[in-house]
Amino acid sequence: MARRSFGVQTGGGSRFDVTRLGPLLEEIHDRLAGVTIECLPWAEFIDRYDSRGTLFYLDPPYWGSEMDYGLGVFSRTDFSRLALRLSRISGPFMLLVNDVPQTREIFGRFAIEQVMTQYTVAGGKPSDVPEIVVTAPASVHPVAAVEDHPLLL
């Protein structure tokens, strides 16, 4: 190979420095103390942790990129399943996904705000693309609205 692949310079040295590994692991250990890490399908995760005090941040694959996470991880039909499940949860949520007509239709029962972000693919020129932030309207969760959640203050 004579070019970069996945951000790695194949013709030069690595940015990895083994002498920094100890302090890095110490910092990670301190930051993750008391954190529970789960590896569950999204629906099981929501079912397990749903409560009025739980704020869900959801970042599913973008519409048209469902296979990017692997076969069977998230399918196109899961967008509708996710919208239905979110309409029934006890607490607030925030979901970020690409802004295409299909996602606006599927999540149309919720509050939707368009935001712009930049994508860069393979070190190319960044391009501005629209995404949507989907949240439950305050009328759905009046006590635990996303805007009032302590984690977002």
C-alpha atoms as a PDB file:
ATOM      1  CA  MET A   1       0.000   0.000   0.000  1.00  0.00           C
ATOM      2  CA  ALA A   2       1.226   3.431  -0.830  1.00  0.00           C
ATOM      3  CA  ARG A   3      -1.604   5.536   0.557  1.00  0.00           C
ATOM      4  CA  ARG A   4      -3.531   6.184   3.756  1.00  0.00           C
ATOM      5  CA  SER A   5      -6.194   3.739   4.818  1.00  0.00           C
ATOM      6  CA  PHE A   6      -8.603   4.430   7.697  1.00  0.00           C
ATOM      7  CA  GLY A   7      -6.518   7.391   8.824  1.00  0.00           C
ATOM      8  CA  VAL A   8      -3.307   5.375   9.102  1.00  0.00           C
ATOM      9  CA  GLN A   9      -0.104   6.430   7.381  1.00  0.00           C
ATOM     10  CA  THR A  10       1.021   3.119   5.890  1.00  0.00           C
ATOM     11  CA  GLY A  11       4.442   4.418   4.886  1.00  0.00           C
ATOM     12  CA  GLY A  12       5.429   5.888   8.256  1.00  0.00           C
ATOM     13  CA  GLY A  13       5.433   5.280  11.955  1.00  0.00           C
ATOM     14  CA  SER A  14       2.408   4.853  14.173  1.00  0.00           C
ATOM     15  CA  ARG A  15       0.969   7.563  16.398  1.00  0.00           C
ATOM     16  CA  PHE A  16       0.526   4.911  19.093  1.00  0.00           C
ATOM     17  CA  ASP A  17       2.975   5.427  21.964  1.00  0.00           C
ATOM     18  CA  VAL A  18       3.225   2.482  24.370  1.00  0.00           C
ATOM     19  CA  THR A  19       4.818   4.706  27.028  1.00  0.00           C
ATOM     20  CA  ARG A  20       1.537   6.642  27.294  1.00  0.00           C
ATOM     21  CA  LEU A  21      -0.568   3.495  27.727  1.00  0.00           C
ATOM     22  CA  GLY A  22      -0.282   3.327  31.543  1.00  0.00           C
ATOM     23  CA  PRO A  23      -1.484   6.886  32.218  1.00  0.00           C
ATOM     24  CA  LEU A  24      -4.197   6.505  29.565  1.00  0.00           C
ATOM     25  CA  LEU A  25      -5.545   3.339  31.198  1.00  0.00           C
ATOM     26  CA  GLU A  26      -5.456   5.066  34.605  1.00  0.00           C
ATOM     27  CA  GLU A  27      -7.500   7.973  33.228  1.00  0.00           C
ATOM     28  CA  ILE A  28      -9.997   5.611  31.587  1.00  0.00           C
ATOM     29  CA  HIS A  29     -10.293   3.627  34.809  1.00  0.00           C
ATOM     30  CA  ASP A  30     -11.104   6.777  36.798  1.00  0.00           C
ATOM     31  CA  ARG A  31     -13.665   8.019  34.252  1.00  0.00           C
ATOM     32  CA  LEU A  32     -15.466   4.676  34.043  1.00  0.00           C
ATOM     33  CA  ALA A  33     -15.583   3.944  37.768  1.00  0.00           C
ATOM     34  CA  GLY A  34     -19.203   3.199  38.602  1.00  0.00           C
ATOM     35  CA  VAL A  35     -20.270   2.990  34.948  1.00  0.00           C
ATOM     36  CA  THR A  36     -22.289   0.029  33.732  1.00  0.00           C
ATOM     37  CA  ILE A  37     -21.527  -1.041  30.183  1.00  0.00           C
ATOM     38  CA  GLU A  38     -24.209  -3.028  28.391  1.00  0.00           C
ATOM     39  CA  CYS A  39     -24.190  -4.897  25.115  1.00  0.00           C
ATOM     40  CA  LEU A  40     -27.858  -5.423  24.331  1.00  0.00           C
ATOM     41  CA  PRO A  41     -30.113  -5.088  21.326  1.00  0.00           C
ATOM     42  CA  TRP A  42     -31.600  -1.575  21.344  1.00  0.00           C
ATOM     43  CA  ALA A  43     -35.138  -2.723  22.223  1.00  0.00           C
ATOM     44  CA  GLU A  44     -33.948  -4.763  25.207  1.00  0.00           C
ATOM     45  CA  PHE A  45     -31.827  -1.850  26.399  1.00  0.00           C
ATOM     46  CA  ILE A  46     -34.800   0.529  26.294  1.00  0.00           C
ATOM     47  CA  ASP A  47     -37.032  -1.993  28.073  1.00  0.00           C
ATOM     48  CA  ARG A  48     -34.455  -2.555  30.819  1.00  0.00           C
ATOM     49  CA  TYR A  49     -33.701   1.089  31.594  1.00  0.00           C
ATOM     50  CA  ASP A  50     -36.942   2.911  30.776  1.00  0.00           C
ATOM     51  CA  SER A  51     -38.118   5.158  33.607  1.00  0.00           C
ATOM     52  CA  ARG A  52     -39.252   8.749  34.077  1.00  0.00           C
ATOM     53  CA  GLY A  53     -35.720   9.613  35.200  1.00  0.00           C
ATOM     54  CA  THR A  54     -33.921   8.065  32.228  1.00  0.00           C
ATOM     55  CA  LEU A  55     -32.891  10.222  29.293  1.00  0.00           C
ATOM     56  CA  PHE A  56     -32.255   8.099  26.210  1.00  0.00           C
ATOM     57  CA  TYR A  57     -29.841   9.402  23.594  1.00  0.00           C
ATOM     58  CA  LEU A  58     -30.271   7.344  20.420  1.00  0.00           C
ATOM     59  CA  ASP A  59     -27.972   7.380  17.414  1.00  0.00           C
ATOM     60  CA  PRO A  60     -29.228   4.695  15.009  1.00  0.00           C
ATOM     61  CA  PRO A  61     -27.585   4.099  11.651  1.00  0.00           C
ATOM     62  CA  TYR A  62     -28.552   6.660   9.069  1.00  0.00           C
ATOM     63  CA  TRP A  63     -31.370   5.810   6.677  1.00  0.00           C
ATOM     64  CA  GLY A  64     -29.726   3.994   3.778  1.00  0.00           C
ATOM     65  CA  SER A  65     -26.737   2.901   5.899  1.00  0.00           C
ATOM     66  CA  GLU A  66     -28.418   0.250   8.037  1.00  0.00           C
ATOM     67  CA  MET A  67     -25.861  -2.424   7.136  1.00  0.00           C
ATOM     68  CA  ASP A  68     -22.886  -0.304   8.264  1.00  0.00           C
ATOM     69  CA  TYR A  69     -23.041  -1.848  11.755  1.00  0.00           C
ATOM     70  CA  GLY A  70     -23.266  -5.415  10.481  1.00  0.00           C
ATOM     71  CA  LEU A  71     -25.834  -7.905   9.304  1.00  0.00           C
ATOM     72  CA  GLY A  72     -28.889  -8.092  11.559  1.00  0.00           C
ATOM     73  CA  VAL A  73     -27.845  -5.305  13.945  1.00  0.00           C
ATOM     74  CA  PHE A  74     -30.358  -2.705  12.720  1.00  0.00           C
ATOM     75  CA  SER A  75     -32.701  -3.073   9.769  1.00  0.00           C
ATOM     76  CA  ARG A  76     -34.794  -0.563   7.876  1.00  0.00           C
ATOM     77  CA  THR A  77     -37.951  -1.848   9.607  1.00  0.00           C
ATOM     78  CA  ASP A  78     -36.317  -1.088  12.962  1.00  0.00           C
ATOM     79  CA  PHE A  79     -36.860   2.649  12.360  1.00  0.00           C
ATOM     80  CA  SER A  80     -40.636   2.124  12.619  1.00  0.00           C
ATOM     81  CA  ARG A  81     -40.241  -0.228  15.573  1.00  0.00           C
ATOM     82  CA  LEU A  82     -38.049   2.366  17.294  1.00  0.00           C
ATOM     83  CA  ALA A  83     -40.576   5.175  16.695  1.00  0.00           C
ATOM     84  CA  LEU A  84     -43.361   3.040  18.151  1.00  0.00           C
ATOM     85  CA  ARG A  85     -41.266   2.080  21.179  1.00  0.00           C
ATOM     86  CA  LEU A  86     -40.271   5.720  21.798  1.00  0.00           C
ATOM     87  CA  SER A  87     -43.929   6.737  21.756  1.00  0.00           C
ATOM     88  CA  ARG A  88     -44.452   4.468  24.770  1.00  0.00           C
ATOM     89  CA  ILE A  89     -41.432   5.151  26.982  1.00  0.00           C
ATOM     90  CA  SER A  90     -41.783   6.820  30.364  1.00  0.00           C
ATOM     91  CA  GLY A  91     -39.011   9.399  30.110  1.00  0.00           C
ATOM     92  CA  PRO A  92     -37.547  11.793  27.565  1.00  0.00           C
ATOM     93  CA  PHE A  93     -35.345  10.947  24.615  1.00  0.00           C
ATOM     94  CA  MET A  94     -33.190  12.566  21.969  1.00  0.00           C
ATOM     95  CA  LEU A  95     -32.542  10.843  18.645  1.00  0.00           C
ATOM     96  CA  LEU A  96     -30.192  12.006  15.890  1.00  0.00           C
ATOM     97  CA  VAL A  97     -30.554  10.704  12.327  1.00  0.00           C
ATOM     98  CA  ASN A  98     -30.087  11.903   8.759  1.00  0.00           C
ATOM     99  CA  ASP A  99     -32.728  14.246   7.380  1.00  0.00           C
ATOM    100  CA  VAL A 100     -34.492  12.372   4.605  1.00  0.00           C
ATOM    101  CA  PRO A 101     -38.226  12.213   3.827  1.00  0.00           C
ATOM    102  CA  GLN A 102     -38.481   8.675   5.230  1.00  0.00           C
ATOM    103  CA  THR A 103     -37.079   9.572   8.675  1.00  0.00           C
ATOM    104  CA  ARG A 104     -39.262  12.685   8.860  1.00  0.00           C
ATOM    105  CA  GLU A 105     -42.316  10.543   8.098  1.00  0.00           C
ATOM    106  CA  ILE A 106     -41.451   7.768  10.558  1.00  0.00           C
ATOM    107  CA  PHE A 107     -40.634  10.133  13.436  1.00  0.00           C
ATOM    108  CA  GLY A 108     -43.243  12.747  12.448  1.00  0.00           C
ATOM    109  CA  ARG A 109     -45.281  12.262  15.646  1.00  0.00           C
ATOM    110  CA  PHE A 110     -42.413  13.789  17.640  1.00  0.00           C
ATOM    111  CA  ALA A 111     -40.778  17.211  17.731  1.00  0.00           C
ATOM    112  CA  ILE A 112     -38.208  17.505  14.923  1.00  0.00           C
ATOM    113  CA  GLU A 113     -35.502  20.128  14.539  1.00  0.00           C
ATOM    114  CA  GLN A 114     -33.094  20.250  11.615  1.00  0.00           C
ATOM    115  CA  VAL A 115     -29.400  20.803  12.325  1.00  0.00           C
ATOM    116  CA  MET A 116     -26.474  20.966   9.928  1.00  0.00           C
ATOM    117  CA  THR A 117     -23.324  18.916  10.322  1.00  0.00           C
ATOM    118  CA  GLN A 118     -20.288  18.183   8.185  1.00  0.00           C
ATOM    119  CA  TYR A 119     -19.382  14.801   6.753  1.00  0.00           C
ATOM    120  CA  THR A 120     -15.908  13.971   5.594  1.00  0.00           C
ATOM    121  CA  VAL A 121     -15.350  10.692   3.785  1.00  0.00           C
ATOM    122  CA  ALA A 122     -11.871   9.252   3.124  1.00  0.00           C
ATOM    123  CA  GLY A 123     -10.134  12.542   3.878  1.00  0.00           C
ATOM    124  CA  GLY A 124     -12.124  14.329   1.180  1.00  0.00           C
ATOM    125  CA  LYS A 125     -13.619  17.783   1.270  1.00  0.00           C
ATOM    126  CA  PRO A 126     -16.166  18.241   4.081  1.00  0.00           C
ATOM    127  CA  SER A 127     -19.750  18.657   2.944  1.00  0.00           C
ATOM    128  CA  ASP A 128     -22.628  20.198   4.879  1.00  0.00           C
ATOM    129  CA  VAL A 129     -25.497  17.763   5.382  1.00  0.00           C
ATOM    130  CA  PRO A 130     -28.787  18.062   7.267  1.00  0.00           C
ATOM    131  CA  GLU A 131     -29.670  15.868  10.212  1.00  0.00           C
ATOM    132  CA  ILE A 132     -32.711  15.904  12.443  1.00  0.00           C
ATOM    133  CA  VAL A 133     -32.876  15.943  16.206  1.00  0.00           C
ATOM    134  CA  VAL A 134     -36.020  14.111  17.272  1.00  0.00           C
ATOM    135  CA  THR A 135     -37.438  14.565  20.769  1.00  0.00           C
ATOM    136  CA  ALA A 136     -40.699  13.859  22.523  1.00  0.00           C
ATOM    137  CA  PRO A 137     -42.759  17.035  22.816  1.00  0.00           C
ATOM    138  CA  ALA A 138     -43.017  18.385  26.372  1.00  0.00           C
ATOM    139  CA  SER A 139     -46.726  17.499  26.299  1.00  0.00           C
ATOM    140  CA  VAL A 140     -45.770  13.813  26.137  1.00  0.00           C
ATOM    141  CA  HIS A 141     -43.395  13.989  29.112  1.00  0.00           C
ATOM    142  CA  PRO A 142     -44.359  17.231  30.907  1.00  0.00           C
ATOM    143  CA  VAL A 143     -42.405  16.496  34.082  1.00  0.00           C
ATOM    144  CA  ALA A 144     -39.367  14.983  32.422  1.00  0.00           C
ATOM    145  CA  ALA A 145     -39.094  17.043  29.242  1.00  0.00           C
ATOM    146  CA  VAL A 146     -35.765  16.818  27.405  1.00  0.00           C
ATOM    147  CA  GLU A 147     -35.168  20.552  27.858  1.00  0.00           C
ATOM    148  CA  ASP A 148     -35.477  20.199  31.639  1.00  0.00           C
ATOM    149  CA  HIS A 149     -33.388  17.070  32.074  1.00  0.00           C
ATOM    150  CA  PRO A 150     -30.483  17.597  34.503  1.00  0.00           C
ATOM    151  CA  LEU A 151     -28.020  15.845  32.184  1.00  0.00           C
ATOM    152  CA  LEU A 152     -28.608  18.489  29.535  1.00  0.00           C
ATOM    153  CA  LEU A 153     -28.238  21.544  31.770  1.00  0.00           C
END
